[in-house]
Amino acid sequence: LQPGVTPGGFTAGAINDQNTFTLDGGNNSDDMS
C-alpha cells in the first residue's frame, strides 16, 4: 500500500527479493532461498 510499491512487492524498481523484514529487531527475511 506504500507509494512506489507494486502489488507484487517491487519497490521503486527493485525486485521483491530485495525487501527486508524485521520483527522485534530480529531478521524476518528469508536470506537463504
PDB file of all heavy atoms in Angstrom:
ATOM      1  N   LEU A   1       0.814  -1.218   0.000  1.00  0.00           N
ATOM      2  CA  LEU A   1       0.000   0.000   0.000  1.00  0.00           C
ATOM      3  C   LEU A   1       0.845   1.264   0.000  1.00  0.00           C
ATOM      4  O   LEU A   1       0.314   2.364  -0.138  1.00  0.00           O
ATOM      5  CB  LEU A   1      -0.924   0.012   1.231  1.00  0.00           C
ATOM      6  CG  LEU A   1      -1.921  -1.143   1.352  1.00  0.00           C
ATOM      7  CD1 LEU A   1      -2.773  -0.967   2.598  1.00  0.00           C
ATOM      8  CD2 LEU A   1      -2.800  -1.236   0.118  1.00  0.00           C
ATOM      9  N   GLN A   2       2.160   1.111   0.161  1.00  0.00           N
ATOM     10  CA  GLN A   2       3.029   2.289   0.211  1.00  0.00           C
ATOM     11  C   GLN A   2       3.257   2.849  -1.191  1.00  0.00           C
ATOM     12  O   GLN A   2       3.298   2.110  -2.170  1.00  0.00           O
ATOM     13  CB  GLN A   2       4.371   1.906   0.839  1.00  0.00           C
ATOM     14  CG  GLN A   2       4.253   1.199   2.167  1.00  0.00           C
ATOM     15  CD  GLN A   2       3.492   2.018   3.188  1.00  0.00           C
ATOM     16  OE1 GLN A   2       3.718   3.211   3.319  1.00  0.00           O
ATOM     17  NE2 GLN A   2       2.562   1.387   3.896  1.00  0.00           N
ATOM     18  N   PRO A   3       3.422   4.159  -1.310  1.00  0.00           N
ATOM     19  CA  PRO A   3       3.741   4.750  -2.622  1.00  0.00           C
ATOM     20  C   PRO A   3       5.051   4.186  -3.171  1.00  0.00           C
ATOM     21  O   PRO A   3       6.031   4.041  -2.437  1.00  0.00           O
ATOM     22  CB  PRO A   3       3.873   6.244  -2.307  1.00  0.00           C
ATOM     23  CG  PRO A   3       3.079   6.452  -1.044  1.00  0.00           C
ATOM     24  CD  PRO A   3       3.236   5.187  -0.259  1.00  0.00           C
ATOM     25  N   GLY A   4       5.043   3.857  -4.439  1.00  0.00           N
ATOM     26  CA  GLY A   4       6.237   3.331  -5.081  1.00  0.00           C
ATOM     27  C   GLY A   4       6.394   1.834  -4.989  1.00  0.00           C
ATOM     28  O   GLY A   4       7.404   1.294  -5.441  1.00  0.00           O
ATOM     29  N   VAL A   5       5.407   1.135  -4.402  1.00  0.00           N
ATOM     30  CA  VAL A   5       5.468  -0.316  -4.259  1.00  0.00           C
ATOM     31  C   VAL A   5       4.375  -0.934  -5.122  1.00  0.00           C
ATOM     32  O   VAL A   5       3.206  -0.540  -5.041  1.00  0.00           O
ATOM     33  CB  VAL A   5       5.290  -0.757  -2.789  1.00  0.00           C
ATOM     34  CG1 VAL A   5       5.409  -2.273  -2.664  1.00  0.00           C
ATOM     35  CG2 VAL A   5       6.321  -0.079  -1.909  1.00  0.00           C
ATOM     36  N   THR A   6       4.730  -1.909  -5.955  1.00  0.00           N
ATOM     37  CA  THR A   6       3.754  -2.565  -6.817  1.00  0.00           C
ATOM     38  C   THR A   6       3.017  -3.663  -6.049  1.00  0.00           C
ATOM     39  O   THR A   6       3.472  -4.087  -4.979  1.00  0.00           O
ATOM     40  CB  THR A   6       4.442  -3.190  -8.039  1.00  0.00           C
ATOM     41  OG1 THR A   6       5.244  -4.306  -7.598  1.00  0.00           O
ATOM     42  CG2 THR A   6       5.330  -2.177  -8.742  1.00  0.00           C
ATOM     43  N   PRO A   7       1.875  -4.162  -6.553  1.00  0.00           N
ATOM     44  CA  PRO A   7       1.172  -5.259  -5.874  1.00  0.00           C
ATOM     45  C   PRO A   7       2.022  -6.508  -5.692  1.00  0.00           C
ATOM     46  O   PRO A   7       1.744  -7.321  -4.807  1.00  0.00           O
ATOM     47  CB  PRO A   7      -0.024  -5.523  -6.804  1.00  0.00           C
ATOM     48  CG  PRO A   7      -0.268  -4.222  -7.481  1.00  0.00           C
ATOM     49  CD  PRO A   7       1.092  -3.622  -7.682  1.00  0.00           C
ATOM     50  N   GLY A   8       3.046  -6.691  -6.522  1.00  0.00           N
ATOM     51  CA  GLY A   8       3.927  -7.839  -6.365  1.00  0.00           C
ATOM     52  C   GLY A   8       5.102  -7.591  -5.439  1.00  0.00           C
ATOM     53  O   GLY A   8       5.935  -8.472  -5.265  1.00  0.00           O
ATOM     54  N   GLY A   9       5.184  -6.402  -4.837  1.00  0.00           N
ATOM     55  CA  GLY A   9       6.243  -6.116  -3.883  1.00  0.00           C
ATOM     56  C   GLY A   9       7.478  -5.472  -4.460  1.00  0.00           C
ATOM     57  O   GLY A   9       8.483  -5.339  -3.761  1.00  0.00           O
ATOM     58  N   PHE A  10       7.454  -5.047  -5.714  1.00  0.00           N
ATOM     59  CA  PHE A  10       8.601  -4.365  -6.308  1.00  0.00           C
ATOM     60  C   PHE A  10       8.619  -2.907  -5.833  1.00  0.00           C
ATOM     61  O   PHE A  10       7.625  -2.197  -5.991  1.00  0.00           O
ATOM     62  CB  PHE A  10       8.540  -4.416  -7.830  1.00  0.00           C
ATOM     63  CG  PHE A  10       8.670  -5.812  -8.382  1.00  0.00           C
ATOM     64  CD1 PHE A  10       7.585  -6.669  -8.426  1.00  0.00           C
ATOM     65  CD2 PHE A  10       9.889  -6.276  -8.853  1.00  0.00           C
ATOM     66  CE1 PHE A  10       7.708  -7.956  -8.924  1.00  0.00           C
ATOM     67  CE2 PHE A  10      10.017  -7.552  -9.351  1.00  0.00           C
ATOM     68  CZ  PHE A  10       8.930  -8.405  -9.387  1.00  0.00           C
ATOM     69  N   THR A  11       9.733  -2.487  -5.247  1.00  0.00           N
ATOM     70  CA  THR A  11       9.826  -1.161  -4.644  1.00  0.00           C
ATOM     71  C   THR A  11      10.766  -0.281  -5.446  1.00  0.00           C
ATOM     72  O   THR A  11      11.967  -0.569  -5.548  1.00  0.00           O
ATOM     73  CB  THR A  11      10.327  -1.253  -3.194  1.00  0.00           C
ATOM     74  OG1 THR A  11       9.458  -2.105  -2.458  1.00  0.00           O
ATOM     75  CG2 THR A  11      10.363   0.117  -2.542  1.00  0.00           C
ATOM     76  N   ALA A  12      10.207   0.787  -6.023  1.00  0.00           N
ATOM     77  CA  ALA A  12      10.998   1.771  -6.765  1.00  0.00           C
ATOM     78  C   ALA A  12      11.930   1.102  -7.771  1.00  0.00           C
ATOM     79  O   ALA A  12      13.089   1.488  -7.920  1.00  0.00           O
ATOM     80  CB  ALA A  12      11.800   2.644  -5.798  1.00  0.00           C
ATOM     81  N   GLY A  13      11.454   0.081  -8.446  1.00  0.00           N
ATOM     82  CA  GLY A  13      12.240  -0.615  -9.450  1.00  0.00           C
ATOM     83  C   GLY A  13      13.053  -1.770  -8.932  1.00  0.00           C
ATOM     84  O   GLY A  13      13.599  -2.546  -9.723  1.00  0.00           O
ATOM     85  N   ALA A  14      13.160  -1.928  -7.621  1.00  0.00           N
ATOM     86  CA  ALA A  14      13.928  -3.038  -7.042  1.00  0.00           C
ATOM     87  C   ALA A  14      13.058  -4.286  -6.986  1.00  0.00           C
ATOM     88  O   ALA A  14      11.880  -4.223  -6.627  1.00  0.00           O
ATOM     89  CB  ALA A  14      14.420  -2.682  -5.641  1.00  0.00           C
ATOM     90  N   ILE A  15      13.623  -5.442  -7.339  1.00  0.00           N
ATOM     91  CA  ILE A  15      12.865  -6.680  -7.332  1.00  0.00           C
ATOM     92  C   ILE A  15      12.464  -7.043  -5.901  1.00  0.00           C
ATOM     93  O   ILE A  15      13.115  -6.638  -4.930  1.00  0.00           O
ATOM     94  CB  ILE A  15      13.702  -7.828  -7.970  1.00  0.00           C
ATOM     95  CG1 ILE A  15      12.804  -9.029  -8.295  1.00  0.00           C
ATOM     96  CG2 ILE A  15      14.864  -8.219  -7.069  1.00  0.00           C
ATOM     97  CD1 ILE A  15      13.492 -10.066  -9.145  1.00  0.00           C
ATOM     98  N   ASN A  16      11.376  -7.802  -5.771  1.00  0.00           N
ATOM     99  CA  ASN A  16      10.818  -8.013  -4.444  1.00  0.00           C
ATOM    100  C   ASN A  16      11.655  -8.913  -3.540  1.00  0.00           C
ATOM    101  O   ASN A  16      11.376  -9.010  -2.347  1.00  0.00           O
ATOM    102  CB  ASN A  16       9.388  -8.566  -4.531  1.00  0.00           C
ATOM    103  CG  ASN A  16       9.283  -9.757  -5.455  1.00  0.00           C
ATOM    104  OD1 ASN A  16      10.285 -10.334  -5.871  1.00  0.00           O
ATOM    105  ND2 ASN A  16       8.063 -10.139  -5.783  1.00  0.00           N
ATOM    106  N   ASP A  17      12.678  -9.586  -4.054  1.00  0.00           N
ATOM    107  CA  ASP A  17      13.532 -10.333  -3.132  1.00  0.00           C
ATOM    108  C   ASP A  17      14.546  -9.417  -2.449  1.00  0.00           C
ATOM    109  O   ASP A  17      15.371  -9.881  -1.657  1.00  0.00           O
ATOM    110  CB  ASP A  17      14.234 -11.496  -3.840  1.00  0.00           C
ATOM    111  CG  ASP A  17      15.248 -11.034  -4.880  1.00  0.00           C
ATOM    112  OD1 ASP A  17      15.378  -9.807  -5.075  1.00  0.00           O
ATOM    113  OD2 ASP A  17      15.904 -11.887  -5.499  1.00  0.00           O
ATOM    114  N   GLN A  18      14.479  -8.115  -2.736  1.00  0.00           N
ATOM    115  CA  GLN A  18      15.339  -7.143  -2.073  1.00  0.00           C
ATOM    116  C   GLN A  18      14.634  -6.458  -0.901  1.00  0.00           C
ATOM    117  O   GLN A  18      15.161  -5.511  -0.313  1.00  0.00           O
ATOM    118  CB  GLN A  18      15.803  -6.080  -3.076  1.00  0.00           C
ATOM    119  CG  GLN A  18      16.776  -6.603  -4.110  1.00  0.00           C
ATOM    120  CD  GLN A  18      18.065  -7.080  -3.472  1.00  0.00           C
ATOM    121  OE1 GLN A  18      18.699  -6.363  -2.707  1.00  0.00           O
ATOM    122  NE2 GLN A  18      18.443  -8.312  -3.766  1.00  0.00           N
ATOM    123  N   ASN A  19      13.441  -6.936  -0.546  1.00  0.00           N
ATOM    124  CA  ASN A  19      12.738  -6.387   0.611  1.00  0.00           C
ATOM    125  C   ASN A  19      13.280  -7.027   1.887  1.00  0.00           C
ATOM    126  O   ASN A  19      13.568  -8.220   1.924  1.00  0.00           O
ATOM    127  CB  ASN A  19      11.239  -6.658   0.500  1.00  0.00           C
ATOM    128  CG  ASN A  19      10.618  -5.971  -0.699  1.00  0.00           C
ATOM    129  OD1 ASN A  19      11.067  -4.896  -1.101  1.00  0.00           O
ATOM    130  ND2 ASN A  19       9.606  -6.579  -1.282  1.00  0.00           N
ATOM    131  N   THR A  20      13.413  -6.229   2.938  1.00  0.00           N
ATOM    132  CA  THR A  20      13.907  -6.693   4.225  1.00  0.00           C
ATOM    133  C   THR A  20      12.801  -6.591   5.260  1.00  0.00           C
ATOM    134  O   THR A  20      12.125  -5.561   5.350  1.00  0.00           O
ATOM    135  CB  THR A  20      15.114  -5.857   4.680  1.00  0.00           C
ATOM    136  OG1 THR A  20      16.159  -5.999   3.726  1.00  0.00           O
ATOM    137  CG2 THR A  20      15.615  -6.325   6.030  1.00  0.00           C
ATOM    138  N   PHE A  21      12.626  -7.652   6.034  1.00  0.00           N
ATOM    139  CA  PHE A  21      11.605  -7.695   7.078  1.00  0.00           C
ATOM    140  C   PHE A  21      12.281  -7.915   8.429  1.00  0.00           C
ATOM    141  O   PHE A  21      13.119  -8.812   8.562  1.00  0.00           O
ATOM    142  CB  PHE A  21      10.606  -8.826   6.824  1.00  0.00           C
ATOM    143  CG  PHE A  21       9.810  -8.669   5.556  1.00  0.00           C
ATOM    144  CD1 PHE A  21      10.309  -9.122   4.346  1.00  0.00           C
ATOM    145  CD2 PHE A  21       8.569  -8.067   5.565  1.00  0.00           C
ATOM    146  CE1 PHE A  21       9.597  -8.974   3.169  1.00  0.00           C
ATOM    147  CE2 PHE A  21       7.836  -7.913   4.403  1.00  0.00           C
ATOM    148  CZ  PHE A  21       8.350  -8.370   3.204  1.00  0.00           C
ATOM    149  N   THR A  22      11.937  -7.092   9.413  1.00  0.00           N
ATOM    150  CA  THR A  22      12.410  -7.306  10.774  1.00  0.00           C
ATOM    151  C   THR A  22      11.218  -7.390  11.704  1.00  0.00           C
ATOM    152  O   THR A  22      10.220  -6.667  11.528  1.00  0.00           O
ATOM    153  CB  THR A  22      13.354  -6.184  11.245  1.00  0.00           C
ATOM    154  OG1 THR A  22      12.640  -4.947  11.265  1.00  0.00           O
ATOM    155  CG2 THR A  22      14.568  -6.070  10.352  1.00  0.00           C
ATOM    156  N   LEU A  23      11.323  -8.258  12.685  1.00  0.00           N
ATOM    157  CA  LEU A  23      10.265  -8.463  13.667  1.00  0.00           C
ATOM    158  C   LEU A  23      10.876  -8.370  15.053  1.00  0.00           C
ATOM    159  O   LEU A  23      11.732  -9.189  15.413  1.00  0.00           O
ATOM    160  CB  LEU A  23       9.605  -9.827  13.451  1.00  0.00           C
ATOM    161  CG  LEU A  23       8.519 -10.220  14.440  1.00  0.00           C
ATOM    162  CD1 LEU A  23       7.347  -9.244  14.361  1.00  0.00           C
ATOM    163  CD2 LEU A  23       8.041 -11.648  14.170  1.00  0.00           C
ATOM    164  N   ASP A  24      10.468  -7.352  15.813  1.00  0.00           N
ATOM    165  CA  ASP A  24      11.018  -7.112  17.157  1.00  0.00           C
ATOM    166  C   ASP A  24      12.539  -7.046  17.116  1.00  0.00           C
ATOM    167  O   ASP A  24      13.233  -7.541  18.017  1.00  0.00           O
ATOM    168  CB  ASP A  24      10.562  -8.201  18.131  1.00  0.00           C
ATOM    169  CG  ASP A  24       9.067  -8.150  18.379  1.00  0.00           C
ATOM    170  OD1 ASP A  24       8.508  -7.045  18.316  1.00  0.00           O
ATOM    171  OD2 ASP A  24       8.462  -9.205  18.637  1.00  0.00           O
ATOM    172  N   GLY A  25      13.083  -6.489  16.047  1.00  0.00           N
ATOM    173  CA  GLY A  25      14.523  -6.328  15.930  1.00  0.00           C
ATOM    174  C   GLY A  25      15.247  -7.488  15.287  1.00  0.00           C
ATOM    175  O   GLY A  25      16.420  -7.360  14.936  1.00  0.00           O
ATOM    176  N   GLY A  26      14.577  -8.623  15.131  1.00  0.00           N
ATOM    177  CA  GLY A  26      15.205  -9.777  14.508  1.00  0.00           C
ATOM    178  C   GLY A  26      14.907  -9.842  13.028  1.00  0.00           C
ATOM    179  O   GLY A  26      13.852  -9.396  12.561  1.00  0.00           O
ATOM    180  N   ASN A  27      15.823 -10.397  12.265  1.00  0.00           N
ATOM    181  CA  ASN A  27      15.649 -10.511  10.824  1.00  0.00           C
ATOM    182  C   ASN A  27      14.548 -11.513  10.505  1.00  0.00           C
ATOM    183  O   ASN A  27      14.604 -12.667  10.916  1.00  0.00           O
ATOM    184  CB  ASN A  27      16.967 -10.954  10.176  1.00  0.00           C
ATOM    185  CG  ASN A  27      16.869 -10.982   8.658  1.00  0.00           C
ATOM    186  OD1 ASN A  27      15.974 -10.366   8.082  1.00  0.00           O
ATOM    187  ND2 ASN A  27      17.780 -11.680   8.015  1.00  0.00           N
ATOM    188  N   ASN A  28      13.546 -11.067   9.767  1.00  0.00           N
ATOM    189  CA  ASN A  28      12.436 -11.931   9.382  1.00  0.00           C
ATOM    190  C   ASN A  28      12.425 -12.185   7.882  1.00  0.00           C
ATOM    191  O   ASN A  28      11.432 -12.622   7.323  1.00  0.00           O
ATOM    192  CB  ASN A  28      11.104 -11.302   9.816  1.00  0.00           C
ATOM    193  CG  ASN A  28       9.971 -12.301   9.812  1.00  0.00           C
ATOM    194  OD1 ASN A  28      10.170 -13.485  10.067  1.00  0.00           O
ATOM    195  ND2 ASN A  28       8.763 -11.841   9.518  1.00  0.00           N
ATOM    196  N   SER A  29      13.536 -11.906   7.214  1.00  0.00           N
ATOM    197  CA  SER A  29      13.659 -12.137   5.775  1.00  0.00           C
ATOM    198  C   SER A  29      14.210 -13.535   5.529  1.00  0.00           C
ATOM    199  O   SER A  29      14.954 -14.081   6.353  1.00  0.00           O
ATOM    200  CB  SER A  29      14.587 -11.107   5.135  1.00  0.00           C
ATOM    201  OG  SER A  29      14.166  -9.801   5.426  1.00  0.00           O
ATOM    202  N   ASP A  30      13.861 -14.099   4.393  1.00  0.00           N
ATOM    203  CA  ASP A  30      14.376 -15.411   4.010  1.00  0.00           C
ATOM    204  C   ASP A  30      15.643 -15.184   3.186  1.00  0.00           C
ATOM    205  O   ASP A  30      15.599 -15.052   1.969  1.00  0.00           O
ATOM    206  CB  ASP A  30      13.332 -16.176   3.198  1.00  0.00           C
ATOM    207  CG  ASP A  30      13.714 -17.630   3.023  1.00  0.00           C
ATOM    208  OD1 ASP A  30      14.884 -17.973   3.289  1.00  0.00           O
ATOM    209  OD2 ASP A  30      12.856 -18.432   2.643  1.00  0.00           O
ATOM    210  N   ASP A  31      16.784 -15.145   3.878  1.00  0.00           N
ATOM    211  CA  ASP A  31      18.040 -14.848   3.190  1.00  0.00           C
ATOM    212  C   ASP A  31      18.657 -16.077   2.529  1.00  0.00           C
ATOM    213  O   ASP A  31      19.621 -15.947   1.779  1.00  0.00           O
ATOM    214  CB  ASP A  31      19.057 -14.277   4.190  1.00  0.00           C
ATOM    215  CG  ASP A  31      18.593 -12.952   4.765  1.00  0.00           C
ATOM    216  OD1 ASP A  31      17.924 -12.215   4.025  1.00  0.00           O
ATOM    217  OD2 ASP A  31      18.879 -12.665   5.942  1.00  0.00           O
ATOM    218  N   MET A  32      18.124 -17.260   2.810  1.00  0.00           N
ATOM    219  CA  MET A  32      18.722 -18.467   2.266  1.00  0.00           C
ATOM    220  C   MET A  32      18.184 -18.801   0.880  1.00  0.00           C
ATOM    221  O   MET A  32      18.922 -19.165  -0.023  1.00  0.00           O
ATOM    222  CB  MET A  32      18.481 -19.650   3.207  1.00  0.00           C
ATOM    223  CG  MET A  32      19.119 -19.463   4.580  1.00  0.00           C
ATOM    224  SD  MET A  32      20.908 -19.294   4.488  1.00  0.00           S
ATOM    225  CE  MET A  32      21.355 -20.911   3.903  1.00  0.00           C
ATOM    226  N   SER A  33      16.881 -18.671   0.700  1.00  0.00           N
ATOM    227  CA  SER A  33      16.284 -19.101  -0.563  1.00  0.00           C
ATOM    228  C   SER A  33      16.296 -18.007  -1.618  1.00  0.00           C
ATOM    229  O   SER A  33      16.058 -18.277  -2.788  1.00  0.00           O
ATOM    230  CB  SER A  33      14.845 -19.562  -0.339  1.00  0.00           C
ATOM    231  OG  SER A  33      14.037 -18.484   0.093  1.00  0.00           O
TER     232      SER A  33
END
